């Protein structure tokens, strides 16, 4: 199982704490140090749609120019933006054997792990 994100993100910290409190082992993939895995982002965009992967309510998105925001209209342009700036990716992303959770909430993780 792999958790993708940025270590100083508060939501990522909550997800990591949730997993660690339950002794659920995982590998952490730091976008800033290890880069954005293009194959994963492409898979998620195909499965869930790019709109659910790009965090359009976050600070990074809000700081983009209106022109840049308007240019994100499809998977290809969204993937390009994610490669340019990992902070625009909704986080964390949890991959458990090809089943994915995007974002974190106690309720969603509990349901995902059958609690």
PDB file of N, CA and C in Angstrom:
ATOM      1  N   UNK A   1       0.857  -1.165   0.000  1.00  0.00           N
ATOM      2  CA  UNK A   1       0.000   0.000   0.000  1.00  0.00           C
ATOM      3  C   UNK A   1       0.899   1.222   0.000  1.00  0.00           C
ATOM      4  N   UNK A   2       0.467   2.217  -0.760  1.00  0.00           N
ATOM      5  CA  UNK A   2       1.276   3.415  -0.902  1.00  0.00           C
ATOM      6  C   UNK A   2       0.403   4.649  -0.680  1.00  0.00           C
ATOM      7  N   UNK A   3       0.957   5.606   0.055  1.00  0.00           N
ATOM      8  CA  UNK A   3       0.297   6.881   0.300  1.00  0.00           C
ATOM      9  C   UNK A   3       1.135   7.952  -0.392  1.00  0.00           C
ATOM     10  N   UNK A   4       0.479   8.726  -1.257  1.00  0.00           N
ATOM     11  CA  UNK A   4       1.147   9.769  -2.028  1.00  0.00           C
ATOM     12  C   UNK A   4       0.763  11.133  -1.479  1.00  0.00           C
ATOM     13  N   UNK A   5       1.748  12.017  -1.395  1.00  0.00           N
ATOM     14  CA  UNK A   5       1.432  13.361  -0.945  1.00  0.00           C
ATOM     15  C   UNK A   5       2.661  14.188  -0.679  1.00  0.00           C
ATOM     16  N   UNK A   6       2.472  15.214   0.109  1.00  0.00           N
ATOM     17  CA  UNK A   6       3.511  16.153   0.513  1.00  0.00           C
ATOM     18  C   UNK A   6       3.544  16.108   2.040  1.00  0.00           C
ATOM     19  N   UNK A   7       4.710  15.841   2.639  1.00  0.00           N
ATOM     20  CA  UNK A   7       4.753  15.575   4.080  1.00  0.00           C
ATOM     21  C   UNK A   7       4.251  16.692   4.981  1.00  0.00           C
ATOM     22  N   UNK A   8       4.393  17.949   4.575  1.00  0.00           N
ATOM     23  CA  UNK A   8       3.959  19.030   5.466  1.00  0.00           C
ATOM     24  C   UNK A   8       2.496  19.414   5.275  1.00  0.00           C
ATOM     25  N   UNK A   9       1.769  18.725   4.399  1.00  0.00           N
ATOM     26  CA  UNK A   9       0.335  18.975   4.190  1.00  0.00           C
ATOM     27  C   UNK A   9      -0.446  18.451   5.397  1.00  0.00           C
ATOM     28  N   UNK A  10      -1.313  19.273   5.954  1.00  0.00           N
ATOM     29  CA  UNK A  10      -2.058  18.878   7.158  1.00  0.00           C
ATOM     30  C   UNK A  10      -2.964  17.674   6.900  1.00  0.00           C
ATOM     31  N   UNK A  11      -3.533  17.582   5.721  1.00  0.00           N
ATOM     32  CA  UNK A  11      -4.420  16.453   5.417  1.00  0.00           C
ATOM     33  C   UNK A  11      -3.609  15.167   5.283  1.00  0.00           C
ATOM     34  N   UNK A  12      -2.445  15.253   4.707  1.00  0.00           N
ATOM     35  CA  UNK A  12      -1.558  14.093   4.608  1.00  0.00           C
ATOM     36  C   UNK A  12      -1.140  13.656   6.008  1.00  0.00           C
ATOM     37  N   UNK A  13      -0.829  14.608   6.865  1.00  0.00           N
ATOM     38  CA  UNK A  13      -0.452  14.285   8.245  1.00  0.00           C
ATOM     39  C   UNK A  13      -1.583  13.538   8.952  1.00  0.00           C
ATOM     40  N   UNK A  14      -2.820  13.970   8.739  1.00  0.00           N
ATOM     41  CA  UNK A  14      -3.973  13.298   9.362  1.00  0.00           C
ATOM     42  C   UNK A  14      -4.113  11.874   8.850  1.00  0.00           C
ATOM     43  N   UNK A  15      -3.941  11.685   7.551  1.00  0.00           N
ATOM     44  CA  UNK A  15      -4.051  10.338   6.978  1.00  0.00           C
ATOM     45  C   UNK A  15      -2.949   9.430   7.518  1.00  0.00           C
ATOM     46  N   UNK A  16      -1.744   9.941   7.585  1.00  0.00           N
ATOM     47  CA  UNK A  16      -0.626   9.144   8.099  1.00  0.00           C
ATOM     48  C   UNK A  16      -0.863   8.770   9.562  1.00  0.00           C
ATOM     49  N   UNK A  17      -1.337   9.719  10.349  1.00  0.00           N
ATOM     50  CA  UNK A  17      -1.621   9.444  11.761  1.00  0.00           C
ATOM     51  C   UNK A  17      -2.714   8.386  11.885  1.00  0.00           C
ATOM     52  N   UNK A  18      -3.747   8.470  11.049  1.00  0.00           N
ATOM     53  CA  UNK A  18      -4.851   7.509  11.078  1.00  0.00           C
ATOM     54  C   UNK A  18      -4.318   6.105  10.808  1.00  0.00           C
ATOM     55  N   UNK A  19      -3.485   5.976   9.776  1.00  0.00           N
ATOM     56  CA  UNK A  19      -2.918   4.667   9.430  1.00  0.00           C
ATOM     57  C   UNK A  19      -1.995   4.152  10.536  1.00  0.00           C
ATOM     58  N   UNK A  20      -1.165   5.030  11.077  1.00  0.00           N
ATOM     59  CA  UNK A  20      -0.197   4.624  12.096  1.00  0.00           C
ATOM     60  C   UNK A  20      -0.885   4.243  13.404  1.00  0.00           C
ATOM     61  N   UNK A  21      -1.954   4.943  13.769  1.00  0.00           N
ATOM     62  CA  UNK A  21      -2.703   4.606  14.986  1.00  0.00           C
ATOM     63  C   UNK A  21      -3.287   3.201  14.914  1.00  0.00           C
ATOM     64  N   UNK A  22      -3.521   2.710  13.702  1.00  0.00           N
ATOM     65  CA  UNK A  22      -4.111   1.386  13.504  1.00  0.00           C
ATOM     66  C   UNK A  22      -3.078   0.349  13.060  1.00  0.00           C
ATOM     67  N   UNK A  23      -1.821   0.727  13.135  1.00  0.00           N
ATOM     68  CA  UNK A  23      -0.718  -0.156  12.725  1.00  0.00           C
ATOM     69  C   UNK A  23      -0.905  -0.712  11.320  1.00  0.00           C
ATOM     70  N   UNK A  24      -1.375   0.135  10.427  1.00  0.00           N
ATOM     71  CA  UNK A  24      -1.541  -0.256   9.025  1.00  0.00           C
ATOM     72  C   UNK A  24      -0.278   0.174   8.281  1.00  0.00           C
ATOM     73  N   UNK A  25       0.492  -0.792   7.797  1.00  0.00           N
ATOM     74  CA  UNK A  25       1.747  -0.435   7.120  1.00  0.00           C
ATOM     75  C   UNK A  25       1.495   0.186   5.748  1.00  0.00           C
ATOM     76  N   UNK A  26       2.330   1.136   5.403  1.00  0.00           N
ATOM     77  CA  UNK A  26       2.230   1.795   4.101  1.00  0.00           C
ATOM     78  C   UNK A  26       3.588   2.370   3.744  1.00  0.00           C
ATOM     79  N   UNK A  27       3.776   2.593   2.467  1.00  0.00           N
ATOM     80  CA  UNK A  27       4.963   3.282   1.977  1.00  0.00           C
ATOM     81  C   UNK A  27       4.535   4.692   1.613  1.00  0.00           C
ATOM     82  N   UNK A  28       5.349   5.687   1.979  1.00  0.00           N
ATOM     83  CA  UNK A  28       5.009   7.068   1.663  1.00  0.00           C
ATOM     84  C   UNK A  28       5.799   7.532   0.453  1.00  0.00           C
ATOM     85  N   UNK A  29       5.094   8.116  -0.503  1.00  0.00           N
ATOM     86  CA  UNK A  29       5.723   8.688  -1.702  1.00  0.00           C
ATOM     87  C   UNK A  29       5.583  10.197  -1.626  1.00  0.00           C
ATOM     88  N   UNK A  30       6.713  10.869  -1.492  1.00  0.00           N
ATOM     89  CA  UNK A  30       6.771  12.327  -1.360  1.00  0.00           C
ATOM     90  C   UNK A  30       6.902  12.945  -2.754  1.00  0.00           C
ATOM     91  N   UNK A  31       5.849  13.628  -3.206  1.00  0.00           N
ATOM     92  CA  UNK A  31       5.878  14.265  -4.527  1.00  0.00           C
ATOM     93  C   UNK A  31       7.064  15.206  -4.693  1.00  0.00           C
ATOM     94  N   UNK A  32       7.408  15.919  -3.632  1.00  0.00           N
ATOM     95  CA  UNK A  32       8.467  16.925  -3.723  1.00  0.00           C
ATOM     96  C   UNK A  32       9.840  16.276  -3.921  1.00  0.00           C
ATOM     97  N   UNK A  33      10.074  15.131  -3.286  1.00  0.00           N
ATOM     98  CA  UNK A  33      11.371  14.460  -3.388  1.00  0.00           C
ATOM     99  C   UNK A  33      11.404  13.411  -4.490  1.00  0.00           C
ATOM    100  N   UNK A  34      10.295  12.712  -4.687  1.00  0.00           N
ATOM    101  CA  UNK A  34      10.283  11.582  -5.616  1.00  0.00           C
ATOM    102  C   UNK A  34       9.554  11.881  -6.923  1.00  0.00           C
ATOM    103  N   UNK A  35       8.956  13.043  -7.006  1.00  0.00           N
ATOM    104  CA  UNK A  35       8.253  13.416  -8.216  1.00  0.00           C
ATOM    105  C   UNK A  35       6.829  12.881  -8.270  1.00  0.00           C
ATOM    106  N   UNK A  36       6.119  13.337  -9.276  1.00  0.00           N
ATOM    107  CA  UNK A  36       4.731  12.930  -9.483  1.00  0.00           C
ATOM    108  C   UNK A  36       4.744  11.730 -10.432  1.00  0.00           C
ATOM    109  N   UNK A  37       4.211  10.584  -9.993  1.00  0.00           N
ATOM    110  CA  UNK A  37       4.198   9.406 -10.863  1.00  0.00           C
ATOM    111  C   UNK A  37       3.164   9.569 -11.988  1.00  0.00           C
ATOM    112  N   UNK A  38       3.653   9.799 -13.182  1.00  0.00           N
ATOM    113  CA  UNK A  38       2.780  10.083 -14.327  1.00  0.00           C
ATOM    114  C   UNK A  38       1.794   8.952 -14.582  1.00  0.00           C
ATOM    115  N   UNK A  39       2.250   7.705 -14.460  1.00  0.00           N
ATOM    116  CA  UNK A  39       1.351   6.578 -14.726  1.00  0.00           C
ATOM    117  C   UNK A  39       0.188   6.543 -13.737  1.00  0.00           C
ATOM    118  N   UNK A  40       0.450   6.843 -12.471  1.00  0.00           N
ATOM    119  CA  UNK A  40      -0.623   6.879 -11.472  1.00  0.00           C
ATOM    120  C   UNK A  40      -1.616   7.992 -11.774  1.00  0.00           C
ATOM    121  N   UNK A  41      -1.108   9.178 -12.097  1.00  0.00           N
ATOM    122  CA  UNK A  41      -2.000  10.304 -12.390  1.00  0.00           C
ATOM    123  C   UNK A  41      -2.860  10.003 -13.617  1.00  0.00           C
ATOM    124  N   UNK A  42      -2.274   9.386 -14.628  1.00  0.00           N
ATOM    125  CA  UNK A  42      -3.042   9.017 -15.816  1.00  0.00           C
ATOM    126  C   UNK A  42      -4.127   8.003 -15.467  1.00  0.00           C
ATOM    127  N   UNK A  43      -3.774   7.013 -14.646  1.00  0.00           N
ATOM    128  CA  UNK A  43      -4.753   6.007 -14.212  1.00  0.00           C
ATOM    129  C   UNK A  43      -5.891   6.655 -13.449  1.00  0.00           C
ATOM    130  N   UNK A  44      -5.552   7.529 -12.507  1.00  0.00           N
ATOM    131  CA  UNK A  44      -6.584   8.184 -11.696  1.00  0.00           C
ATOM    132  C   UNK A  44      -7.476   9.080 -12.548  1.00  0.00           C
ATOM    133  N   UNK A  45      -6.882   9.785 -13.493  1.00  0.00           N
ATOM    134  CA  UNK A  45      -7.687  10.634 -14.375  1.00  0.00           C
ATOM    135  C   UNK A  45      -8.640   9.795 -15.211  1.00  0.00           C
ATOM    136  N   UNK A  46      -8.193   8.627 -15.629  1.00  0.00           N
ATOM    137  CA  UNK A  46      -9.052   7.729 -16.403  1.00  0.00           C
ATOM    138  C   UNK A  46     -10.176   7.172 -15.527  1.00  0.00           C
ATOM    139  N   UNK A  47      -9.824   6.725 -14.320  1.00  0.00           N
ATOM    140  CA  UNK A  47     -10.813   6.107 -13.426  1.00  0.00           C
ATOM    141  C   UNK A  47     -11.774   7.117 -12.803  1.00  0.00           C
ATOM    142  N   UNK A  48     -11.229   8.240 -12.359  1.00  0.00           N
ATOM    143  CA  UNK A  48     -12.005   9.176 -11.538  1.00  0.00           C
ATOM    144  C   UNK A  48     -12.283  10.510 -12.216  1.00  0.00           C
ATOM    145  N   UNK A  49     -11.586  10.783 -13.313  1.00  0.00           N
ATOM    146  CA  UNK A  49     -11.722  12.082 -13.972  1.00  0.00           C
ATOM    147  C   UNK A  49     -10.729  13.066 -13.403  1.00  0.00           C
ATOM    148  N   UNK A  50     -10.151  13.874 -14.278  1.00  0.00           N
ATOM    149  CA  UNK A  50      -9.133  14.832 -13.829  1.00  0.00           C
ATOM    150  C   UNK A  50      -9.695  15.827 -12.828  1.00  0.00           C
ATOM    151  N   UNK A  51     -10.989  16.097 -12.917  1.00  0.00           N
ATOM    152  CA  UNK A  51     -11.611  17.074 -12.024  1.00  0.00           C
ATOM    153  C   UNK A  51     -11.532  16.650 -10.558  1.00  0.00           C
ATOM    154  N   UNK A  52     -11.490  15.344 -10.302  1.00  0.00           N
ATOM    155  CA  UNK A  52     -11.423  14.880  -8.920  1.00  0.00           C
ATOM    156  C   UNK A  52      -9.989  14.788  -8.399  1.00  0.00           C
ATOM    157  N   UNK A  53      -9.008  14.968  -9.283  1.00  0.00           N
ATOM    158  CA  UNK A  53      -7.605  14.872  -8.885  1.00  0.00           C
ATOM    159  C   UNK A  53      -6.980  16.258  -8.697  1.00  0.00           C
ATOM    160  N   UNK A  54      -7.406  17.222  -9.491  1.00  0.00           N
ATOM    161  CA  UNK A  54      -6.886  18.586  -9.358  1.00  0.00           C
ATOM    162  C   UNK A  54      -7.641  19.290  -8.229  1.00  0.00           C
ATOM    163  N   UNK A  55      -6.892  19.782  -7.260  1.00  0.00           N
ATOM    164  CA  UNK A  55      -7.484  20.463  -6.106  1.00  0.00           C
ATOM    165  C   UNK A  55      -7.765  21.918  -6.470  1.00  0.00           C
ATOM    166  N   UNK A  56      -8.992  22.168  -6.918  1.00  0.00           N
ATOM    167  CA  UNK A  56      -9.349  23.524  -7.343  1.00  0.00           C
ATOM    168  C   UNK A  56      -9.817  24.407  -6.198  1.00  0.00           C
ATOM    169  N   UNK A  57      -9.772  23.889  -4.979  1.00  0.00           N
ATOM    170  CA  UNK A  57     -10.113  24.744  -3.838  1.00  0.00           C
ATOM    171  C   UNK A  57      -8.877  25.110  -3.022  1.00  0.00           C
ATOM    172  N   UNK A  58      -7.713  24.604  -3.424  1.00  0.00           N
ATOM    173  CA  UNK A  58      -6.489  24.854  -2.683  1.00  0.00           C
ATOM    174  C   UNK A  58      -5.804  26.156  -3.063  1.00  0.00           C
ATOM    175  N   UNK A  59      -4.856  26.540  -2.235  1.00  0.00           N
ATOM    176  CA  UNK A  59      -4.102  27.775  -2.423  1.00  0.00           C
ATOM    177  C   UNK A  59      -3.346  27.789  -3.745  1.00  0.00           C
ATOM    178  N   UNK A  60      -2.773  26.655  -4.109  1.00  0.00           N
ATOM    179  CA  UNK A  60      -1.976  26.602  -5.339  1.00  0.00           C
ATOM    180  C   UNK A  60      -2.834  26.936  -6.547  1.00  0.00           C
ATOM    181  N   UNK A  61      -4.026  26.368  -6.608  1.00  0.00           N
ATOM    182  CA  UNK A  61      -4.943  26.651  -7.718  1.00  0.00           C
ATOM    183  C   UNK A  61      -5.342  28.124  -7.717  1.00  0.00           C
ATOM    184  N   UNK A  62      -5.680  28.628  -6.535  1.00  0.00           N
ATOM    185  CA  UNK A  62      -6.127  30.022  -6.435  1.00  0.00           C
ATOM    186  C   UNK A  62      -5.051  31.009  -6.878  1.00  0.00           C
ATOM    187  N   UNK A  63      -3.783  30.642  -6.721  1.00  0.00           N
ATOM    188  CA  UNK A  63      -2.686  31.530  -7.114  1.00  0.00           C
ATOM    189  C   UNK A  63      -2.419  31.513  -8.617  1.00  0.00           C
ATOM    190  N   UNK A  64      -2.967  30.542  -9.335  1.00  0.00           N
ATOM    191  CA  UNK A  64      -2.778  30.502 -10.788  1.00  0.00           C
ATOM    192  C   UNK A  64      -3.509  31.673 -11.440  1.00  0.00           C
ATOM    193  N   UNK A  65      -2.984  32.124 -12.547  1.00  0.00           N
ATOM    194  CA  UNK A  65      -3.669  33.191 -13.283  1.00  0.00           C
ATOM    195  C   UNK A  65      -4.996  32.659 -13.826  1.00  0.00           C
ATOM    196  N   UNK A  66      -5.935  33.543 -14.054  1.00  0.00           N
ATOM    197  CA  UNK A  66      -7.221  33.134 -14.624  1.00  0.00           C
ATOM    198  C   UNK A  66      -7.019  32.457 -15.972  1.00  0.00           C
ATOM    199  N   UNK A  67      -6.061  32.960 -16.720  1.00  0.00           N
ATOM    200  CA  UNK A  67      -5.762  32.370 -18.028  1.00  0.00           C
ATOM    201  C   UNK A  67      -5.283  30.925 -17.880  1.00  0.00           C
ATOM    202  N   UNK A  68      -4.397  30.684 -16.901  1.00  0.00           N
ATOM    203  CA  UNK A  68      -3.877  29.326 -16.676  1.00  0.00           C
ATOM    204  C   UNK A  68      -5.002  28.403 -16.214  1.00  0.00           C
ATOM    205  N   UNK A  69      -5.823  28.871 -15.293  1.00  0.00           N
ATOM    206  CA  UNK A  69      -6.958  28.062 -14.831  1.00  0.00           C
ATOM    207  C   UNK A  69      -7.862  27.693 -15.999  1.00  0.00           C
ATOM    208  N   UNK A  70      -8.149  28.662 -16.851  1.00  0.00           N
ATOM    209  CA  UNK A  70      -9.034  28.435 -17.993  1.00  0.00           C
ATOM    210  C   UNK A  70      -8.436  27.453 -18.992  1.00  0.00           C
ATOM    211  N   UNK A  71      -7.115  27.300 -18.980  1.00  0.00           N
ATOM    212  CA  UNK A  71      -6.467  26.392 -19.929  1.00  0.00           C
ATOM    213  C   UNK A  71      -6.556  24.926 -19.498  1.00  0.00           C
ATOM    214  N   UNK A  72      -6.984  24.674 -18.257  1.00  0.00           N
ATOM    215  CA  UNK A  72      -7.107  23.302 -17.760  1.00  0.00           C
ATOM    216  C   UNK A  72      -8.515  22.812 -18.101  1.00  0.00           C
ATOM    217  N   UNK A  73      -8.609  22.126 -19.229  1.00  0.00           N
ATOM    218  CA  UNK A  73      -9.919  21.747 -19.755  1.00  0.00           C
ATOM    219  C   UNK A  73     -10.073  20.260 -20.013  1.00  0.00           C
ATOM    220  N   UNK A  74      -8.979  19.505 -19.883  1.00  0.00           N
ATOM    221  CA  UNK A  74      -9.049  18.076 -20.171  1.00  0.00           C
ATOM    222  C   UNK A  74      -7.926  17.346 -19.434  1.00  0.00           C
ATOM    223  N   UNK A  75      -7.892  16.038 -19.602  1.00  0.00           N
ATOM    224  CA  UNK A  75      -6.889  15.231 -18.906  1.00  0.00           C
ATOM    225  C   UNK A  75      -5.477  15.659 -19.262  1.00  0.00           C
ATOM    226  N   UNK A  76      -5.220  15.897 -20.526  1.00  0.00           N
ATOM    227  CA  UNK A  76      -3.878  16.257 -20.966  1.00  0.00           C
ATOM    228  C   UNK A  76      -3.390  17.544 -20.302  1.00  0.00           C
ATOM    229  N   UNK A  77      -4.210  18.579 -20.303  1.00  0.00           N
ATOM    230  CA  UNK A  77      -3.801  19.846 -19.689  1.00  0.00           C
ATOM    231  C   UNK A  77      -3.701  19.715 -18.166  1.00  0.00           C
ATOM    232  N   UNK A  78      -4.547  18.897 -17.565  1.00  0.00           N
ATOM    233  CA  UNK A  78      -4.479  18.679 -16.116  1.00  0.00           C
ATOM    234  C   UNK A  78      -3.192  17.942 -15.742  1.00  0.00           C
ATOM    235  N   UNK A  79      -2.832  16.923 -16.527  1.00  0.00           N
ATOM    236  CA  UNK A  79      -1.596  16.186 -16.262  1.00  0.00           C
ATOM    237  C   UNK A  79      -0.369  17.095 -16.392  1.00  0.00           C
ATOM    238  N   UNK A  80      -0.394  17.967 -17.368  1.00  0.00           N
ATOM    239  CA  UNK A  80       0.707  18.915 -17.546  1.00  0.00           C
ATOM    240  C   UNK A  80       0.837  19.812 -16.319  1.00  0.00           C
ATOM    241  N   UNK A  81      -0.289  20.307 -15.823  1.00  0.00           N
ATOM    242  CA  UNK A  81      -0.279  21.150 -14.626  1.00  0.00           C
ATOM    243  C   UNK A  81       0.241  20.382 -13.420  1.00  0.00           C
ATOM    244  N   UNK A  82      -0.175  19.131 -13.257  1.00  0.00           N
ATOM    245  CA  UNK A  82       0.274  18.322 -12.123  1.00  0.00           C
ATOM    246  C   UNK A  82       1.778  18.074 -12.181  1.00  0.00           C
ATOM    247  N   UNK A  83       2.304  17.879 -13.386  1.00  0.00           N
ATOM    248  CA  UNK A  83       3.761  17.702 -13.532  1.00  0.00           C
ATOM    249  C   UNK A  83       4.503  18.986 -13.179  1.00  0.00           C
ATOM    250  N   UNK A  84       3.938  20.117 -13.545  1.00  0.00           N
ATOM    251  CA  UNK A  84       4.565  21.412 -13.253  1.00  0.00           C
ATOM    252  C   UNK A  84       4.527  21.742 -11.768  1.00  0.00           C
ATOM    253  N   UNK A  85       3.433  21.391 -11.102  1.00  0.00           N
ATOM    254  CA  UNK A  85       3.249  21.793  -9.714  1.00  0.00           C
ATOM    255  C   UNK A  85       2.472  20.724  -8.952  1.00  0.00           C
ATOM    256  N   UNK A  86       3.195  19.873  -8.245  1.00  0.00           N
ATOM    257  CA  UNK A  86       2.573  18.768  -7.500  1.00  0.00           C
ATOM    258  C   UNK A  86       1.594  19.255  -6.439  1.00  0.00           C
ATOM    259  N   UNK A  87       1.748  20.486  -5.996  1.00  0.00           N
ATOM    260  CA  UNK A  87       0.872  21.008  -4.941  1.00  0.00           C
ATOM    261  C   UNK A  87      -0.564  21.167  -5.397  1.00  0.00           C
ATOM    262  N   UNK A  88      -0.813  21.098  -6.692  1.00  0.00           N
ATOM    263  CA  UNK A  88      -2.180  21.234  -7.195  1.00  0.00           C
ATOM    264  C   UNK A  88      -2.938  19.900  -7.149  1.00  0.00           C
ATOM    265  N   UNK A  89      -2.239  18.815  -6.835  1.00  0.00           N
ATOM    266  CA  UNK A  89      -2.878  17.499  -6.767  1.00  0.00           C
ATOM    267  C   UNK A  89      -3.590  17.362  -5.428  1.00  0.00           C
ATOM    268  N   UNK A  90      -4.838  16.912  -5.484  1.00  0.00           N
ATOM    269  CA  UNK A  90      -5.590  16.669  -4.252  1.00  0.00           C
ATOM    270  C   UNK A  90      -4.848  15.601  -3.456  1.00  0.00           C
ATOM    271  N   UNK A  91      -4.754  15.786  -2.155  1.00  0.00           N
ATOM    272  CA  UNK A  91      -3.993  14.851  -1.350  1.00  0.00           C
ATOM    273  C   UNK A  91      -4.675  14.532  -0.041  1.00  0.00           C
ATOM    274  N   UNK A  92      -4.243  13.404   0.505  1.00  0.00           N
ATOM    275  CA  UNK A  92      -3.352  12.400  -0.047  1.00  0.00           C
ATOM    276  C   UNK A  92      -4.087  11.489  -1.032  1.00  0.00           C
ATOM    277  N   UNK A  93      -3.311  10.698  -1.732  1.00  0.00           N
ATOM    278  CA  UNK A  93      -3.869   9.634  -2.567  1.00  0.00           C
ATOM    279  C   UNK A  93      -3.355   8.334  -1.981  1.00  0.00           C
ATOM    280  N   UNK A  94      -4.276   7.457  -1.667  1.00  0.00           N
ATOM    281  CA  UNK A  94      -3.932   6.161  -1.098  1.00  0.00           C
ATOM    282  C   UNK A  94      -4.210   5.092  -2.149  1.00  0.00           C
ATOM    283  N   UNK A  95      -3.224   4.262  -2.407  1.00  0.00           N
ATOM    284  CA  UNK A  95      -3.354   3.162  -3.364  1.00  0.00           C
ATOM    285  C   UNK A  95      -3.199   1.858  -2.601  1.00  0.00           C
ATOM    286  N   UNK A  96      -4.286   1.116  -2.523  1.00  0.00           N
ATOM    287  CA  UNK A  96      -4.255  -0.206  -1.890  1.00  0.00           C
ATOM    288  C   UNK A  96      -4.650  -1.218  -2.949  1.00  0.00           C
ATOM    289  N   UNK A  97      -3.646  -1.831  -3.554  1.00  0.00           N
ATOM    290  CA  UNK A  97      -3.870  -2.855  -4.574  1.00  0.00           C
ATOM    291  C   UNK A  97      -4.798  -2.379  -5.688  1.00  0.00           C
ATOM    292  N   UNK A  98      -4.577  -1.160  -6.157  1.00  0.00           N
ATOM    293  CA  UNK A  98      -5.370  -0.643  -7.264  1.00  0.00           C
ATOM    294  C   UNK A  98      -6.724  -0.091  -6.871  1.00  0.00           C
ATOM    295  N   UNK A  99      -6.990  -0.012  -5.582  1.00  0.00           N
ATOM    296  CA  UNK A  99      -8.185   0.674  -5.081  1.00  0.00           C
ATOM    297  C   UNK A  99      -7.687   1.993  -4.498  1.00  0.00           C
ATOM    298  N   UNK A 100      -8.377   3.071  -4.809  1.00  0.00           N
ATOM    299  CA  UNK A 100      -7.863   4.391  -4.484  1.00  0.00           C
ATOM    300  C   UNK A 100      -8.816   5.179  -3.592  1.00  0.00           C
ATOM    301  N   UNK A 101      -8.188   5.973  -2.732  1.00  0.00           N
ATOM    302  CA  UNK A 101      -8.875   6.989  -1.947  1.00  0.00           C
ATOM    303  C   UNK A 101      -8.173   8.300  -2.246  1.00  0.00           C
ATOM    304  N   UNK A 102      -8.919   9.320  -2.610  1.00  0.00           N
ATOM    305  CA  UNK A 102      -8.350  10.636  -2.875  1.00  0.00           C
ATOM    306  C   UNK A 102      -8.862  11.570  -1.794  1.00  0.00           C
ATOM    307  N   UNK A 103      -7.942  12.226  -1.101  1.00  0.00           N
ATOM    308  CA  UNK A 103      -8.324  13.055   0.030  1.00  0.00           C
ATOM    309  C   UNK A 103      -8.387  12.201   1.285  1.00  0.00           C
ATOM    310  N   UNK A 104      -8.750  12.816   2.396  1.00  0.00           N
ATOM    311  CA  UNK A 104      -8.836  12.075   3.652  1.00  0.00           C
ATOM    312  C   UNK A 104     -10.016  12.545   4.470  1.00  0.00           C
ATOM    313  N   UNK A 105     -10.709  11.571   5.034  1.00  0.00           N
ATOM    314  CA  UNK A 105     -11.652  11.809   6.127  1.00  0.00           C
ATOM    315  C   UNK A 105     -11.687  10.524   6.950  1.00  0.00           C
ATOM    316  N   UNK A 106     -11.922  10.664   8.241  1.00  0.00           N
ATOM    317  CA  UNK A 106     -12.015   9.483   9.108  1.00  0.00           C
ATOM    318  C   UNK A 106     -13.050   8.501   8.575  1.00  0.00           C
ATOM    319  N   UNK A 107     -14.192   9.038   8.155  1.00  0.00           N
ATOM    320  CA  UNK A 107     -15.299   8.194   7.700  1.00  0.00           C
ATOM    321  C   UNK A 107     -14.922   7.408   6.447  1.00  0.00           C
ATOM    322  N   UNK A 108     -14.292   8.076   5.471  1.00  0.00           N
ATOM    323  CA  UNK A 108     -13.922   7.388   4.231  1.00  0.00           C
ATOM    324  C   UNK A 108     -12.854   6.330   4.459  1.00  0.00           C
ATOM    325  N   UNK A 109     -11.870   6.644   5.275  1.00  0.00           N
ATOM    326  CA  UNK A 109     -10.827   5.659   5.559  1.00  0.00           C
ATOM    327  C   UNK A 109     -11.404   4.475   6.338  1.00  0.00           C
ATOM    328  N   UNK A 110     -12.260   4.748   7.298  1.00  0.00           N
ATOM    329  CA  UNK A 110     -12.882   3.653   8.066  1.00  0.00           C
ATOM    330  C   UNK A 110     -13.663   2.731   7.134  1.00  0.00           C
ATOM    331  N   UNK A 111     -14.429   3.299   6.220  1.00  0.00           N
ATOM    332  CA  UNK A 111     -15.190   2.472   5.268  1.00  0.00           C
ATOM    333  C   UNK A 111     -14.250   1.718   4.331  1.00  0.00           C
ATOM    334  N   UNK A 112     -13.203   2.369   3.876  1.00  0.00           N
ATOM    335  CA  UNK A 112     -12.235   1.777   2.953  1.00  0.00           C
ATOM    336  C   UNK A 112     -11.543   0.571   3.578  1.00  0.00           C
ATOM    337  N   UNK A 113     -11.277   0.662   4.887  1.00  0.00           N
ATOM    338  CA  UNK A 113     -10.590  -0.420   5.596  1.00  0.00           C
ATOM    339  C   UNK A 113     -11.555  -1.330   6.340  1.00  0.00           C
ATOM    340  N   UNK A 114     -12.841  -1.149   6.153  1.00  0.00           N
ATOM    341  CA  UNK A 114     -13.833  -2.039   6.748  1.00  0.00           C
ATOM    342  C   UNK A 114     -13.962  -1.940   8.253  1.00  0.00           C
ATOM    343  N   UNK A 115     -13.791  -0.734   8.779  1.00  0.00           N
ATOM    344  CA  UNK A 115     -13.939  -0.560  10.230  1.00  0.00           C
ATOM    345  C   UNK A 115     -15.389  -0.292  10.603  1.00  0.00           C
TER     346      UNK A 115
END
